[in-house]
Amino acid sequence: MLQAQKIVRSVKEAKELFEELSSTMECGERVKVAVKNVSEVQKYVELVIKSGLSLVDIEEANNNYYLIIENRFGSRCVQDV
């Protein structure tokens, strides 16, 4: 399931958003994040991983870049065995 699109304009915004998503996204949920500063994509990818989320894809459409992020490993994905 793809959640509504979010937008990040800076590394600081991205860090805050990814930390929030890490604690609020359901297991298996996806979100599409528009990236305004393409030169910072590598830093965004690092922040996604540090937040415990998965970067599934990067799309380019109409001169914009989008990170497709999924919660695969967050606390909401931990199952009691």
C-alpha atoms as a PDB file:
ATOM      1  CA  MET A   1       0.000   0.000   0.000  1.00  0.00           C
ATOM      2  CA  LEU A   2       1.470   3.355  -1.015  1.00  0.00           C
ATOM      3  CA  GLN A   3       0.838   6.186   1.407  1.00  0.00           C
ATOM      4  CA  ALA A   4       0.353   9.805   0.327  1.00  0.00           C
ATOM      5  CA  GLN A   5       3.380  11.577  -1.059  1.00  0.00           C
ATOM      6  CA  LYS A   6       5.679  13.613   1.197  1.00  0.00           C
ATOM      7  CA  ILE A   7       8.229  16.276   0.192  1.00  0.00           C
ATOM      8  CA  VAL A   8      11.678  16.974   1.619  1.00  0.00           C
ATOM      9  CA  ARG A   9      13.667  20.094   0.797  1.00  0.00           C
ATOM     10  CA  SER A  10      16.749  19.571   2.993  1.00  0.00           C
ATOM     11  CA  VAL A  11      18.740  16.936   4.855  1.00  0.00           C
ATOM     12  CA  LYS A  12      17.349  18.236   8.163  1.00  0.00           C
ATOM     13  CA  GLU A  13      13.751  17.863   6.907  1.00  0.00           C
ATOM     14  CA  ALA A  14      14.544  14.378   5.599  1.00  0.00           C
ATOM     15  CA  LYS A  15      16.012  13.243   8.922  1.00  0.00           C
ATOM     16  CA  GLU A  16      12.944  14.455  10.830  1.00  0.00           C
ATOM     17  CA  LEU A  17      10.526  12.882   8.343  1.00  0.00           C
ATOM     18  CA  PHE A  18      12.288   9.501   8.231  1.00  0.00           C
ATOM     19  CA  GLU A  19      12.462   9.302  12.030  1.00  0.00           C
ATOM     20  CA  GLU A  20       8.744  10.068  12.213  1.00  0.00           C
ATOM     21  CA  LEU A  21       7.913   7.521   9.509  1.00  0.00           C
ATOM     22  CA  SER A  22       9.996   4.888  11.275  1.00  0.00           C
ATOM     23  CA  SER A  23       7.745   5.050  14.318  1.00  0.00           C
ATOM     24  CA  THR A  24       4.391   5.630  12.610  1.00  0.00           C
ATOM     25  CA  MET A  25       4.360   3.472   9.461  1.00  0.00           C
ATOM     26  CA  GLU A  26       2.679   0.079   9.615  1.00  0.00           C
ATOM     27  CA  CYS A  27       4.749  -2.965   8.700  1.00  0.00           C
ATOM     28  CA  GLY A  28       4.838  -3.282   4.903  1.00  0.00           C
ATOM     29  CA  GLU A  29       3.495   0.225   4.346  1.00  0.00           C
ATOM     30  CA  ARG A  30       5.150   2.341   1.644  1.00  0.00           C
ATOM     31  CA  VAL A  31       5.496   6.079   1.200  1.00  0.00           C
ATOM     32  CA  LYS A  32       6.631   8.112  -1.795  1.00  0.00           C
ATOM     33  CA  VAL A  33       8.928  11.022  -0.889  1.00  0.00           C
ATOM     34  CA  ALA A  34       9.634  13.779  -3.420  1.00  0.00           C
ATOM     35  CA  VAL A  35      13.208  15.043  -3.291  1.00  0.00           C
ATOM     36  CA  LYS A  36      13.723  18.715  -4.102  1.00  0.00           C
ATOM     37  CA  ASN A  37      17.522  18.747  -3.766  1.00  0.00           C
ATOM     38  CA  VAL A  38      18.782  15.936  -6.008  1.00  0.00           C
ATOM     39  CA  SER A  39      22.411  16.564  -5.061  1.00  0.00           C
ATOM     40  CA  GLU A  40      21.572  15.323  -1.528  1.00  0.00           C
ATOM     41  CA  VAL A  41      20.108  11.953  -2.611  1.00  0.00           C
ATOM     42  CA  GLN A  42      23.032   9.957  -1.171  1.00  0.00           C
ATOM     43  CA  LYS A  43      22.524  11.562   2.243  1.00  0.00           C
ATOM     44  CA  TYR A  44      18.780  10.856   2.066  1.00  0.00           C
ATOM     45  CA  VAL A  45      19.480   7.182   1.343  1.00  0.00           C
ATOM     46  CA  GLU A  46      21.779   6.973   4.380  1.00  0.00           C
ATOM     47  CA  LEU A  47      19.108   8.574   6.573  1.00  0.00           C
ATOM     48  CA  VAL A  48      16.456   6.120   5.357  1.00  0.00           C
ATOM     49  CA  ILE A  49      18.660   3.200   6.379  1.00  0.00           C
ATOM     50  CA  LYS A  50      19.641   4.764   9.725  1.00  0.00           C
ATOM     51  CA  SER A  51      15.937   5.207  10.480  1.00  0.00           C
ATOM     52  CA  GLY A  52      15.350   1.456  10.109  1.00  0.00           C
ATOM     53  CA  LEU A  53      13.385   1.838   6.875  1.00  0.00           C
ATOM     54  CA  SER A  54      14.030   0.324   3.440  1.00  0.00           C
ATOM     55  CA  LEU A  55      14.615   2.228   0.218  1.00  0.00           C
ATOM     56  CA  VAL A  56      12.712   0.180  -2.345  1.00  0.00           C
ATOM     57  CA  ASP A  57      13.186   2.355  -5.428  1.00  0.00           C
ATOM     58  CA  ILE A  58      14.099   5.780  -6.756  1.00  0.00           C
ATOM     59  CA  GLU A  59      11.861   7.053  -9.558  1.00  0.00           C
ATOM     60  CA  GLU A  60      12.364   9.942 -11.931  1.00  0.00           C
ATOM     61  CA  ALA A  61       9.292  11.613 -13.409  1.00  0.00           C
ATOM     62  CA  ASN A  62       8.888  15.060 -14.947  1.00  0.00           C
ATOM     63  CA  ASN A  63      12.355  16.155 -13.787  1.00  0.00           C
ATOM     64  CA  ASN A  64      11.535  15.186 -10.192  1.00  0.00           C
ATOM     65  CA  TYR A  65      12.990  12.376  -8.094  1.00  0.00           C
ATOM     66  CA  TYR A  66      10.989  10.216  -5.702  1.00  0.00           C
ATOM     67  CA  LEU A  67      12.217   7.857  -3.004  1.00  0.00           C
ATOM     68  CA  ILE A  68       9.936   4.862  -2.449  1.00  0.00           C
ATOM     69  CA  ILE A  69      10.365   3.874   1.201  1.00  0.00           C
ATOM     70  CA  GLU A  70       8.928   0.811   2.952  1.00  0.00           C
ATOM     71  CA  ASN A  71       8.809  -0.191   6.596  1.00  0.00           C
ATOM     72  CA  ARG A  72      10.211  -3.738   6.634  1.00  0.00           C
ATOM     73  CA  PHE A  73      12.254  -3.807   9.831  1.00  0.00           C
ATOM     74  CA  GLY A  74      10.700  -1.264  12.205  1.00  0.00           C
ATOM     75  CA  SER A  75       9.216  -2.040  15.604  1.00  0.00           C
ATOM     76  CA  ARG A  76       5.802  -2.614  14.013  1.00  0.00           C
ATOM     77  CA  CYS A  77       7.289  -5.490  11.986  1.00  0.00           C
ATOM     78  CA  VAL A  78       8.653  -7.409  14.981  1.00  0.00           C
ATOM     79  CA  GLN A  79       6.589 -10.515  15.645  1.00  0.00           C
ATOM     80  CA  ASP A  80       6.448 -12.458  18.896  1.00  0.00           C
ATOM     81  CA  VAL A  81       7.690 -15.963  18.296  1.00  0.00           C
END
